[in-house]
Amino acid sequence: MDTPPSVHLFKYSRTLGLPKCVCRASMRAQSSWTVMGLDVDDFDDFVTKYEPITEYSEVNQEIYKVGWFFNGLSSLVHKEFASLDLDELFGYMVIWLWEILGSIIVESRTRYNQPESLEWFEYLYNEIQKYRETRT
């Protein structure tokens, strides 16, 4: 029987000395469910319904939990400690959640002068998209 991807990811994280939260095979369900439940048309709609992404709020806290989880995972992929075969484990979630949050994150980079904010989450989204194109 093959070793589950989550076990490999955990071993990589231990080798690198990364926090366990970066390597868990699943995020806290509450964070991803909060993000998936966002009903916004654009950045301004997000700010009106919730508040600026730079403010402390429960919604923003959940957004950053999701974003930093994928930032950490992306770092492992970029450094080739994990492969894009993780697409099977996380791919649909990366794509789904980036497509919900991407426009908010990208606009907040400009408005709040944070050009690198969650850039590795975006990198992972782009790499998974490219990986999927090569598999078809």
Protein backbone atom coordinates (compact mmCIF):
# COMPACT_ATOMS: atom_id res chain seq x y z
CA MET A 1 0.00 0.00 0.00
CA ASP A 2 1.35 3.45 -0.94
CA THR A 3 2.16 5.95 1.76
CA PRO A 4 -0.46 8.74 1.85
CA PRO A 5 0.74 12.16 0.59
CA SER A 6 0.01 13.68 4.00
CA VAL A 7 2.66 11.43 5.58
CA HIS A 8 5.28 12.49 3.01
CA LEU A 9 4.37 16.14 3.56
CA PHE A 10 4.68 15.70 7.32
CA LYS A 11 8.14 14.13 6.92
CA TYR A 12 9.27 17.03 4.70
CA SER A 13 8.05 19.56 7.23
CA ARG A 14 9.86 17.80 10.07
CA THR A 15 13.08 17.73 8.02
CA LEU A 16 12.80 21.46 7.32
CA GLY A 17 11.79 22.26 10.88
CA LEU A 18 8.56 23.87 9.69
CA PRO A 19 5.63 24.25 12.07
CA LYS A 20 3.10 21.43 11.99
CA CYS A 21 0.39 23.84 10.84
CA VAL A 22 2.19 24.23 7.51
CA CYS A 23 2.22 20.52 6.77
CA ARG A 24 -1.14 19.20 7.89
CA ALA A 25 -3.00 17.30 5.21
CA SER A 26 -6.15 19.29 5.85
CA MET A 27 -6.82 22.78 7.09
CA ARG A 28 -9.23 23.48 9.87
CA ALA A 29 -12.60 23.08 8.22
CA GLN A 30 -13.90 26.27 9.77
CA SER A 31 -11.35 28.44 7.93
CA SER A 32 -12.04 27.03 4.49
CA TRP A 33 -15.80 27.01 5.08
CA THR A 34 -15.69 30.66 6.15
CA VAL A 35 -13.83 31.60 2.99
CA MET A 36 -16.04 29.48 0.73
CA GLY A 37 -19.07 31.23 2.22
CA LEU A 38 -17.90 34.73 1.27
CA ASP A 39 -20.43 36.40 -0.99
CA VAL A 40 -18.64 39.31 -2.63
CA ASP A 41 -18.51 40.80 -6.10
CA ASP A 42 -15.20 42.64 -5.80
CA PHE A 43 -12.78 44.23 -3.35
CA ASP A 44 -15.02 47.19 -2.50
CA ASP A 45 -17.96 44.85 -1.88
CA PHE A 46 -15.75 42.82 0.46
CA VAL A 47 -14.75 45.92 2.43
CA THR A 48 -18.38 47.04 2.66
CA LYS A 49 -19.70 43.67 3.83
CA TYR A 50 -16.81 42.68 6.09
CA GLU A 51 -14.09 45.29 6.59
CA PRO A 52 -10.68 46.12 5.17
CA ILE A 53 -8.51 43.02 4.92
CA THR A 54 -5.88 44.80 7.02
CA GLU A 55 -8.27 45.04 9.99
CA TYR A 56 -8.53 42.33 12.60
CA SER A 57 -11.77 40.43 12.23
CA GLU A 58 -12.87 36.82 12.35
CA VAL A 59 -13.31 36.70 8.56
CA ASN A 60 -9.88 38.21 7.91
CA GLN A 61 -8.31 35.84 10.41
CA GLU A 62 -9.82 32.87 8.55
CA ILE A 63 -8.67 34.27 5.19
CA TYR A 64 -5.10 34.51 6.44
CA LYS A 65 -5.21 31.02 7.94
CA VAL A 66 -6.12 29.66 4.52
CA GLY A 67 -3.64 31.93 2.74
CA TRP A 68 -0.71 31.14 4.98
CA PHE A 69 -1.43 27.43 4.86
CA PHE A 70 -1.15 27.52 1.08
CA ASN A 71 1.85 29.90 1.26
CA GLY A 72 3.66 27.26 3.32
CA LEU A 73 2.64 24.43 1.04
CA SER A 74 3.73 26.47 -1.97
CA SER A 75 7.16 27.01 -0.45
CA LEU A 76 7.58 23.23 -0.20
CA VAL A 77 6.59 22.85 -3.86
CA HIS A 78 8.87 25.69 -4.99
CA LYS A 79 11.86 24.19 -3.12
CA GLU A 80 10.97 20.78 -4.57
CA PHE A 81 10.38 19.19 -1.16
CA ALA A 82 6.87 18.40 -2.35
CA SER A 83 5.67 17.79 -5.87
CA LEU A 84 2.67 19.07 -7.72
CA ASP A 85 1.26 15.58 -7.34
CA LEU A 86 -0.22 17.29 -4.31
CA ASP A 87 -2.80 18.44 -6.85
CA GLU A 88 -4.64 15.24 -6.01
CA LEU A 89 -4.71 16.20 -2.34
CA PHE A 90 -5.17 19.99 -2.47
CA GLY A 91 -5.52 21.10 -6.09
CA TYR A 92 -9.24 21.69 -6.27
CA MET A 93 -9.16 23.54 -2.95
CA VAL A 94 -6.27 25.79 -4.01
CA ILE A 95 -8.09 26.67 -7.21
CA TRP A 96 -11.49 27.11 -5.58
CA LEU A 97 -10.22 29.26 -2.71
CA TRP A 98 -7.88 31.37 -4.87
CA GLU A 99 -10.74 32.10 -7.25
CA ILE A 100 -12.77 33.34 -4.27
CA LEU A 101 -9.95 35.33 -2.66
CA GLY A 102 -7.62 36.20 -5.53
CA SER A 103 -9.17 39.49 -6.58
CA ILE A 104 -9.38 40.62 -2.93
CA ILE A 105 -5.76 39.72 -2.27
CA VAL A 106 -4.43 41.25 -5.49
CA GLU A 107 -6.32 44.52 -4.96
CA SER A 108 -5.26 44.70 -1.31
CA ARG A 109 -1.60 44.45 -2.40
CA THR A 110 -2.03 47.67 -4.35
CA ARG A 111 -4.25 49.57 -1.95
CA TYR A 112 -2.24 48.75 1.16
CA ASN A 113 1.21 48.70 -0.47
CA GLN A 114 1.79 45.03 0.36
CA PRO A 115 3.07 43.74 -3.00
CA GLU A 116 4.15 40.35 -1.64
CA SER A 117 1.03 39.56 0.39
CA LEU A 118 0.16 35.88 -0.06
CA GLU A 119 2.15 35.76 -3.29
CA TRP A 120 3.06 32.12 -2.71
CA PHE A 121 -0.62 31.18 -2.52
CA GLU A 122 -1.00 32.76 -5.98
CA TYR A 123 2.16 30.97 -7.17
CA LEU A 124 0.70 27.62 -6.09
CA TYR A 125 -2.57 28.39 -7.88
CA ASN A 126 -0.67 29.19 -11.10
CA GLU A 127 1.57 26.12 -10.83
CA ILE A 128 -1.38 23.79 -10.27
CA GLN A 129 -3.14 25.30 -13.28
CA LYS A 130 -0.03 24.69 -15.43
CA TYR A 131 0.35 21.18 -14.04
CA ARG A 132 -3.25 20.35 -14.90
CA GLU A 133 -2.80 21.64 -18.45
CA THR A 134 0.14 19.27 -19.00
CA ARG A 135 -1.87 16.29 -17.75
CA THR A 136 -4.74 16.72 -20.20
